[in-house]
C-alpha atoms as a PDB file:
ATOM      1  CA  MET A   1     -28.482  -3.068  -0.476  1.00  0.00           C
ATOM      2  CA  ALA A   2     -24.931  -3.377  -0.193  1.00  0.00           C
ATOM      3  CA  ARG A   3     -22.912  -5.159  -2.830  1.00  0.00           C
ATOM      4  CA  LYS A   4     -21.404  -8.268  -1.614  1.00  0.00           C
ATOM      5  CA  LYS A   5     -17.442  -8.627  -1.905  1.00  0.00           C
ATOM      6  CA  THR A   6     -15.653 -11.660  -3.683  1.00  0.00           C
ATOM      7  CA  GLU A   7     -14.055 -13.776  -2.320  1.00  0.00           C
ATOM      8  CA  LEU A   8     -10.020 -13.511  -2.982  1.00  0.00           C
ATOM      9  CA  ASN A   9      -7.420 -16.410  -3.286  1.00  0.00           C
ATOM     10  CA  ASP A  10      -3.986 -16.857  -4.508  1.00  0.00           C
ATOM     11  CA  ALA A  11      -5.010 -17.711  -7.904  1.00  0.00           C
ATOM     12  CA  THR A  12      -6.154 -14.682  -8.044  1.00  0.00           C
ATOM     13  CA  ALA A  13      -4.533 -12.166  -6.318  1.00  0.00           C
ATOM     14  CA  ARG A  14      -1.186 -14.243  -8.367  1.00  0.00           C
ATOM     15  CA  THR A  15      -3.275 -12.723 -11.612  1.00  0.00           C
ATOM     16  CA  ILE A  16      -3.503  -9.681  -9.927  1.00  0.00           C
ATOM     17  CA  ALA A  17       0.176  -8.638  -9.527  1.00  0.00           C
ATOM     18  CA  ASP A  18       1.542 -10.763 -12.156  1.00  0.00           C
ATOM     19  CA  ALA A  19      -0.448  -8.601 -14.984  1.00  0.00           C
ATOM     20  CA  LEU A  20       0.938  -5.329 -12.810  1.00  0.00           C
ATOM     21  CA  ARG A  21       4.477  -6.741 -13.147  1.00  0.00           C
ATOM     22  CA  VAL A  22       5.556  -6.277  -8.874  1.00  0.00           C
ATOM     23  CA  ALA A  23       5.352  -8.545  -6.473  1.00  0.00           C
ATOM     24  CA  ARG A  24       3.648  -9.655  -3.809  1.00  0.00           C
ATOM     25  CA  PHE A  25       4.302  -8.823  -0.545  1.00  0.00           C
ATOM     26  CA  GLU A  26       6.379 -10.892   1.424  1.00  0.00           C
ATOM     27  CA  ARG A  27       6.404 -12.592   5.254  1.00  0.00           C
ATOM     28  CA  ALA A  28       9.845 -10.951   5.428  1.00  0.00           C
ATOM     29  CA  GLY A  29      10.958 -12.747   9.575  1.00  0.00           C
ATOM     30  CA  TYR A  30       9.888 -11.453  13.243  1.00  0.00           C
ATOM     31  CA  ASP A  31      11.247  -7.548  12.445  1.00  0.00           C
ATOM     32  CA  ALA A  32       8.500  -5.094  12.374  1.00  0.00           C
ATOM     33  CA  LYS A  33      10.671  -2.492  10.628  1.00  0.00           C
ATOM     34  CA  ALA A  34      12.736  -4.494   7.981  1.00  0.00           C
ATOM     35  CA  MET A  35       9.421  -5.854   6.846  1.00  0.00           C
ATOM     36  CA  ALA A  36       8.514  -2.700   5.973  1.00  0.00           C
ATOM     37  CA  GLN A  37      10.903  -1.407   4.531  1.00  0.00           C
ATOM     38  CA  ARG A  38      11.725  -4.625   2.021  1.00  0.00           C
ATOM     39  CA  ASN A  39       8.641  -4.917   0.911  1.00  0.00           C
ATOM     40  CA  LEU A  40       7.955  -1.241   0.749  1.00  0.00           C
ATOM     41  CA  ASN A  41      11.981  -0.847  -1.383  1.00  0.00           C
ATOM     42  CA  GLY A  42      10.720   0.277  -4.778  1.00  0.00           C
ATOM     43  CA  ARG A  43       7.877   1.526  -3.651  1.00  0.00           C
ATOM     44  CA  THR A  44       7.724   4.424  -1.305  1.00  0.00           C
ATOM     45  CA  HIS A  45      10.073   6.138   0.955  1.00  0.00           C
ATOM     46  CA  TYR A  46       7.565   5.951   4.229  1.00  0.00           C
ATOM     47  CA  ALA A  47       9.134   3.576   6.119  1.00  0.00           C
ATOM     48  CA  ASP A  48      13.086   4.348   4.722  1.00  0.00           C
ATOM     49  CA  ASP A  49      15.031   5.309   7.854  1.00  0.00           C
ATOM     50  CA  ASP A  50      15.126   8.853   7.265  1.00  0.00           C
ATOM     51  CA  THR A  51      11.501   9.016   7.167  1.00  0.00           C
ATOM     52  CA  LEU A  52      10.325   7.225  10.117  1.00  0.00           C
ATOM     53  CA  LYS A  53      13.555   9.506  12.488  1.00  0.00           C
ATOM     54  CA  PHE A  54      12.356  13.051  10.692  1.00  0.00           C
ATOM     55  CA  PHE A  55       8.682  11.858  11.408  1.00  0.00           C
ATOM     56  CA  HIS A  56       9.881  10.966  15.254  1.00  0.00           C
ATOM     57  CA  THR A  57       8.028   7.105  13.752  1.00  0.00           C
ATOM     58  CA  ARG A  58       7.888   3.680  14.253  1.00  0.00           C
ATOM     59  CA  ILE A  59       6.841   0.188  12.832  1.00  0.00           C
ATOM     60  CA  ASN A  60       5.784  -1.474  16.075  1.00  0.00           C
ATOM     61  CA  ALA A  61       4.369  -4.270  13.776  1.00  0.00           C
ATOM     62  CA  CYS A  62       3.990  -5.619  10.065  1.00  0.00           C
ATOM     63  CA  ARG A  63       2.260  -7.914   7.851  1.00  0.00           C
ATOM     64  CA  THR A  64       1.177  -9.182   4.487  1.00  0.00           C
ATOM     65  CA  GLU A  65      -3.138  -9.276   4.015  1.00  0.00           C
ATOM     66  CA  ALA A  66      -5.386 -10.433   1.370  1.00  0.00           C
ATOM     67  CA  HIS A  67      -2.928 -13.156  -0.108  1.00  0.00           C
ATOM     68  CA  GLY A  68      -0.479 -10.833  -0.531  1.00  0.00           C
ATOM     69  CA  LEU A  69      -2.387  -8.008  -2.270  1.00  0.00           C
ATOM     70  CA  LEU A  70      -1.698  -5.566   1.270  1.00  0.00           C
ATOM     71  CA  LEU A  71       0.645  -4.849   3.717  1.00  0.00           C
ATOM     72  CA  ILE A  72      -0.228  -3.457   6.222  1.00  0.00           C
ATOM     73  CA  MET A  73       2.023  -1.328   9.292  1.00  0.00           C
ATOM     74  CA  LEU A  74       0.251  -0.308  13.014  1.00  0.00           C
ATOM     75  CA  GLU A  75       2.812   2.078  14.551  1.00  0.00           C
ATOM     76  CA  SER A  76       3.674   4.942  16.680  1.00  0.00           C
ATOM     77  CA  THR A  77       3.818   8.421  15.978  1.00  0.00           C
ATOM     78  CA  ALA A  78       4.684  11.609  17.719  1.00  0.00           C
ATOM     79  CA  ASN A  79       1.907  14.219  18.075  1.00  0.00           C
ATOM     80  CA  ASN A  80       3.937  16.937  17.708  1.00  0.00           C
ATOM     81  CA  PHE A  81       8.103  17.155  16.495  1.00  0.00           C
ATOM     82  CA  LYS A  82       9.333  17.618  19.679  1.00  0.00           C
ATOM     83  CA  ASN A  83       8.363  14.259  19.941  1.00  0.00           C
ATOM     84  CA  THR A  84       6.704  15.048  23.311  1.00  0.00           C
ATOM     85  CA  SER A  85       3.283  12.622  23.481  1.00  0.00           C
ATOM     86  CA  ARG A  86       2.929   9.185  20.684  1.00  0.00           C
ATOM     87  CA  SER A  87       0.009   8.187  18.355  1.00  0.00           C
ATOM     88  CA  HIS A  88      -1.110   4.587  17.730  1.00  0.00           C
ATOM     89  CA  ARG A  89      -1.833   4.211  13.980  1.00  0.00           C
ATOM     90  CA  PHE A  90      -2.341   1.486  11.273  1.00  0.00           C
ATOM     91  CA  VAL A  91      -1.416   1.973   7.844  1.00  0.00           C
ATOM     92  CA  VAL A  92      -2.487  -0.371   4.482  1.00  0.00           C
ATOM     93  CA  PHE A  93      -0.028  -0.179   1.631  1.00  0.00           C
ATOM     94  CA  ASP A  94      -1.183  -1.502  -2.263  1.00  0.00           C
ATOM     95  CA  LEU A  95       1.028  -3.062  -4.566  1.00  0.00           C
ATOM     96  CA  PHE A  96       1.900   0.579  -6.257  1.00  0.00           C
ATOM     97  CA  GLY A  97       3.311   1.868  -2.551  1.00  0.00           C
ATOM     98  CA  ASP A  98       0.209   4.167  -1.997  1.00  0.00           C
ATOM     99  CA  VAL A  99      -1.564   4.492   1.015  1.00  0.00           C
ATOM    100  CA  LEU A 100      -5.221   3.508   0.531  1.00  0.00           C
ATOM    101  CA  ASN A 101      -6.610   4.206   4.549  1.00  0.00           C
ATOM    102  CA  ALA A 102      -7.428   8.034   6.214  1.00  0.00           C
ATOM    103  CA  ARG A 103      -4.082   7.756   8.300  1.00  0.00           C
ATOM    104  CA  ASP A 104      -5.789  11.107  10.423  1.00  0.00           C
ATOM    105  CA  THR A 105      -6.901   9.083  13.359  1.00  0.00           C
ATOM    106  CA  LEU A 106      -4.653   9.046  16.260  1.00  0.00           C
ATOM    107  CA  ARG A 107      -4.903   7.125  19.004  1.00  0.00           C
ATOM    108  CA  ALA A 108      -4.107   6.674  22.154  1.00  0.00           C
ATOM    109  CA  LYS A 109      -3.285   3.182  22.377  1.00  0.00           C
ATOM    110  CA  SER A 110      -2.372   0.248  20.422  1.00  0.00           C
ATOM    111  CA  GLY A 111      -4.914  -1.654  21.254  1.00  0.00           C
ATOM    112  CA  LYS A 112      -7.540   0.561  19.764  1.00  0.00           C
ATOM    113  CA  ALA A 113      -5.575   1.573  16.592  1.00  0.00           C
ATOM    114  CA  HIS A 114      -5.725  -2.815  15.855  1.00  0.00           C
ATOM    115  CA  ASP A 115      -9.560  -2.275  16.660  1.00  0.00           C
ATOM    116  CA  ASP A 116      -9.753   0.431  13.698  1.00  0.00           C
ATOM    117  CA  MET A 117      -7.360  -1.562  11.348  1.00  0.00           C
ATOM    118  CA  ARG A 118      -9.687  -4.566  11.714  1.00  0.00           C
ATOM    119  CA  ASP A 119     -12.788  -2.507  10.368  1.00  0.00           C
ATOM    120  CA  TRP A 120     -11.989  -0.948   8.396  1.00  0.00           C
ATOM    121  CA  LEU A 121     -10.451  -4.329   6.323  1.00  0.00           C
ATOM    122  CA  ALA A 122     -13.318  -5.915   6.954  1.00  0.00           C
ATOM    123  CA  SER A 123     -15.076  -3.311   4.863  1.00  0.00           C
ATOM    124  CA  PHE A 124     -12.598  -2.457   2.446  1.00  0.00           C
ATOM    125  CA  ASP A 125     -12.873  -4.815  -1.151  1.00  0.00           C
ATOM    126  CA  VAL A 126      -9.702  -5.548  -3.000  1.00  0.00           C
ATOM    127  CA  LEU A 127     -10.532  -7.506  -5.749  1.00  0.00           C
ATOM    128  CA  ALA A 128     -12.762  -4.128  -6.482  1.00  0.00           C
ATOM    129  CA  HIS A 129      -9.626  -1.458  -5.132  1.00  0.00           C
ATOM    130  CA  TYR A 130      -7.143  -3.668  -8.029  1.00  0.00           C
ATOM    131  CA  LYS A 131      -9.843  -4.127 -11.002  1.00  0.00           C
ATOM    132  CA  GLN A 132     -10.141   0.022 -10.810  1.00  0.00           C
ATOM    133  CA  ALA A 133      -6.774   0.403 -10.376  1.00  0.00           C
ATOM    134  CA  MET A 134      -5.874  -1.876 -12.799  1.00  0.00           C
ATOM    135  CA  ALA A 135      -8.095  -0.912 -15.531  1.00  0.00           C
ATOM    136  CA  GLU A 136      -7.346   3.305 -15.363  1.00  0.00           C
ATOM    137  CA  ARG A 137      -2.969   1.766 -15.770  1.00  0.00           C
ATOM    138  CA  ALA A 138      -4.554   0.161 -18.558  1.00  0.00           C
ATOM    139  CA  GLU A 139      -6.435   3.659 -19.858  1.00  0.00           C
ATOM    140  CA  ARG A 140      -3.060   5.674 -19.309  1.00  0.00           C
ATOM    141  CA  MET A 141      -0.703   3.273 -21.144  1.00  0.00           C
ATOM    142  CA  LYS A 142      -2.964   3.349 -23.959  1.00  0.00           C
ATOM    143  CA  ARG A 143      -2.409   6.779 -24.153  1.00  0.00           C
ATOM    144  CA  ASP A 144       1.370   7.040 -23.367  1.00  0.00           C
ATOM    145  CA  ALA A 145       1.630   4.370 -26.238  1.00  0.00           C
ATOM    146  CA  ASP A 146      -1.309   6.231 -28.443  1.00  0.00           C
ATOM    147  CA  ALA A 147       1.266   9.097 -27.702  1.00  0.00           C
ATOM    148  CA  MET A 148       4.293   7.559 -28.146  1.00  0.00           C
ATOM    149  CA  ALA A 149       3.511   5.468 -31.731  1.00  0.00           C
ATOM    150  CA  LYS A 150       2.066   9.538 -32.382  1.00  0.00           C
ATOM    151  CA  ALA A 151       5.341  10.811 -32.228  1.00  0.00           C
ATOM    152  CA  ALA A 152       7.525   7.549 -34.061  1.00  0.00           C
ATOM    153  CA  ARG A 153       5.260   8.497 -37.186  1.00  0.00           C
ATOM    154  CA  ALA A 154       6.037  12.702 -36.661  1.00  0.00           C
ATOM    155  CA  ILE A 155      10.386  11.246 -37.096  1.00  0.00           C
ATOM    156  CA  ARG A 156      11.831  11.886 -40.593  1.00  0.00           C
ATOM    157  CA  ILE A 157      14.993   9.731 -41.520  1.00  0.00           C
ATOM    158  CA  ASN A 158      16.252  11.021 -44.596  1.00  0.00           C
END
């Protein structure tokens, strides 16, 4: 039996972002490229001008989802380095700037990419993703703190 997804609300989304000490994604006007770049700045180079140019990628749409915990882009990208034909796909980012979905499904039409995105979002459990990510981050921070404390104890001051 499939596990029921827990409903996400704005207060929970704010709690997650505050605990991670990162800003939630925000709607930033109607220019998809500018919105993607503003929200992903400092998190990933995925939407930087140089990256887009190298891969012949255009950001056709950008929006936030899950009370700002996800950023979704619809993009068209070159099928080859000569840029003789293009395909469409969606890309979903979490607050860390990590891509959450497989980007190997390229569609000839943007509408199909949009349908793929809608299906993916319906199946994705945002709260489960962040619960696991936060637990892993807490464990990593604990190991780092233990290592730092051990190094501090090893320092001898005359």
